[in-house]
Amino acid sequence: MIWIYGHDEKRLLYEIRPENTGEGYQIVVKFPDGRVRVERAADSAELIRRSRELQQELQADGWTPLMPH
């Protein structure tokens, strides 16, 4: 699943995807300045917990979810 967040005229992509190994998940945030933040979650419970925390951090920093993709 991919979400698009906006802040002023900037956009970032927030993606949740399965690990390439088939076990666990990745949370990937691609910032407009080219930085990429990747976190890993071993299972769905950890994924949900960490995803909520990261989305709250982004919103606290002024990022607004524009739409899921």
C-alpha atoms as a PDB file:
ATOM      1  CA  MET A   1       0.000   0.000   0.000  1.00  0.00           C
ATOM      2  CA  ILE A   2       1.274   3.476  -0.859  1.00  0.00           C
ATOM      3  CA  TRP A   3       0.180   6.773   0.679  1.00  0.00           C
ATOM      4  CA  ILE A   4       1.021  10.246  -0.540  1.00  0.00           C
ATOM      5  CA  TYR A   5       1.609  12.972   2.026  1.00  0.00           C
ATOM      6  CA  GLY A   6       1.809  16.694   1.347  1.00  0.00           C
ATOM      7  CA  HIS A   7       3.440  19.596   3.166  1.00  0.00           C
ATOM      8  CA  ASP A   8       3.202  22.963   1.403  1.00  0.00           C
ATOM      9  CA  GLU A   9       4.087  22.095  -2.207  1.00  0.00           C
ATOM     10  CA  LYS A  10       6.211  19.071  -1.254  1.00  0.00           C
ATOM     11  CA  ARG A  11       5.177  15.426  -1.493  1.00  0.00           C
ATOM     12  CA  LEU A  12       6.468  12.251   0.086  1.00  0.00           C
ATOM     13  CA  LEU A  13       5.623   8.609  -0.463  1.00  0.00           C
ATOM     14  CA  TYR A  14       4.859   6.259   2.424  1.00  0.00           C
ATOM     15  CA  GLU A  15       4.859   2.600   1.442  1.00  0.00           C
ATOM     16  CA  ILE A  16       4.220  -0.669   3.248  1.00  0.00           C
ATOM     17  CA  ARG A  17       5.435  -3.752   1.420  1.00  0.00           C
ATOM     18  CA  PRO A  18       6.435  -7.339   2.143  1.00  0.00           C
ATOM     19  CA  GLU A  19      10.118  -8.093   2.719  1.00  0.00           C
ATOM     20  CA  ASN A  20      11.895  -9.536  -0.319  1.00  0.00           C
ATOM     21  CA  THR A  21      12.609 -12.683   1.693  1.00  0.00           C
ATOM     22  CA  GLY A  22       8.882 -13.290   2.173  1.00  0.00           C
ATOM     23  CA  GLU A  23       9.080 -12.911   5.949  1.00  0.00           C
ATOM     24  CA  GLY A  24       8.081  -9.640   7.573  1.00  0.00           C
ATOM     25  CA  TYR A  25       7.398  -6.198   6.164  1.00  0.00           C
ATOM     26  CA  GLN A  26       9.123  -2.977   5.202  1.00  0.00           C
ATOM     27  CA  ILE A  27       7.909   0.542   5.912  1.00  0.00           C
ATOM     28  CA  VAL A  28       9.508   2.880   3.383  1.00  0.00           C
ATOM     29  CA  VAL A  29       9.297   6.681   3.500  1.00  0.00           C
ATOM     30  CA  LYS A  30      10.677   8.555   0.471  1.00  0.00           C
ATOM     31  CA  PHE A  31      11.240  12.228   1.285  1.00  0.00           C
ATOM     32  CA  PRO A  32      11.196  14.994  -1.353  1.00  0.00           C
ATOM     33  CA  ASP A  33      14.904  15.735  -0.758  1.00  0.00           C
ATOM     34  CA  GLY A  34      15.839  12.201  -1.842  1.00  0.00           C
ATOM     35  CA  ARG A  35      16.252  10.638   1.598  1.00  0.00           C
ATOM     36  CA  VAL A  36      14.762   7.181   2.040  1.00  0.00           C
ATOM     37  CA  ARG A  37      13.866   5.782   5.464  1.00  0.00           C
ATOM     38  CA  VAL A  38      13.352   2.014   5.670  1.00  0.00           C
ATOM     39  CA  GLU A  39      12.151   0.189   8.758  1.00  0.00           C
ATOM     40  CA  ARG A  40      11.421  -3.485   9.123  1.00  0.00           C
ATOM     41  CA  ALA A  41       8.659  -5.223  11.053  1.00  0.00           C
ATOM     42  CA  ALA A  42       8.819  -8.934  11.820  1.00  0.00           C
ATOM     43  CA  ASP A  43       5.058  -9.505  11.914  1.00  0.00           C
ATOM     44  CA  SER A  44       1.729  -7.791  11.282  1.00  0.00           C
ATOM     45  CA  ALA A  45       1.282  -6.658  14.919  1.00  0.00           C
ATOM     46  CA  GLU A  46       4.652  -4.883  14.896  1.00  0.00           C
ATOM     47  CA  LEU A  47       3.886  -3.460  11.441  1.00  0.00           C
ATOM     48  CA  ILE A  48       0.595  -1.935  12.592  1.00  0.00           C
ATOM     49  CA  ARG A  49       2.104  -0.505  15.787  1.00  0.00           C
ATOM     50  CA  ARG A  50       5.135   1.033  14.081  1.00  0.00           C
ATOM     51  CA  SER A  51       3.165   2.259  11.084  1.00  0.00           C
ATOM     52  CA  ARG A  52       0.774   4.164  13.335  1.00  0.00           C
ATOM     53  CA  GLU A  53       3.701   5.716  15.221  1.00  0.00           C
ATOM     54  CA  LEU A  54       5.428   6.827  12.019  1.00  0.00           C
ATOM     55  CA  GLN A  55       2.251   8.274  10.539  1.00  0.00           C
ATOM     56  CA  GLN A  56       1.657  10.237  13.760  1.00  0.00           C
ATOM     57  CA  GLU A  57       5.261  11.534  13.600  1.00  0.00           C
ATOM     58  CA  LEU A  58       4.773  12.675  10.002  1.00  0.00           C
ATOM     59  CA  GLN A  59       1.531  14.450  10.858  1.00  0.00           C
ATOM     60  CA  ALA A  60       3.159  16.115  13.890  1.00  0.00           C
ATOM     61  CA  ASP A  61       5.844  17.419  11.484  1.00  0.00           C
ATOM     62  CA  GLY A  62       3.141  18.992   9.289  1.00  0.00           C
ATOM     63  CA  TRP A  63       2.674  16.243   6.695  1.00  0.00           C
ATOM     64  CA  THR A  64      -0.932  15.601   5.687  1.00  0.00           C
ATOM     65  CA  PRO A  65      -2.108  12.378   4.059  1.00  0.00           C
ATOM     66  CA  LEU A  66      -3.443  13.302   0.624  1.00  0.00           C
ATOM     67  CA  MET A  67      -4.568   9.914  -0.593  1.00  0.00           C
ATOM     68  CA  PRO A  68      -3.776   6.235  -0.491  1.00  0.00           C
ATOM     69  CA  HIS A  69      -2.623   4.893  -3.835  1.00  0.00           C
END
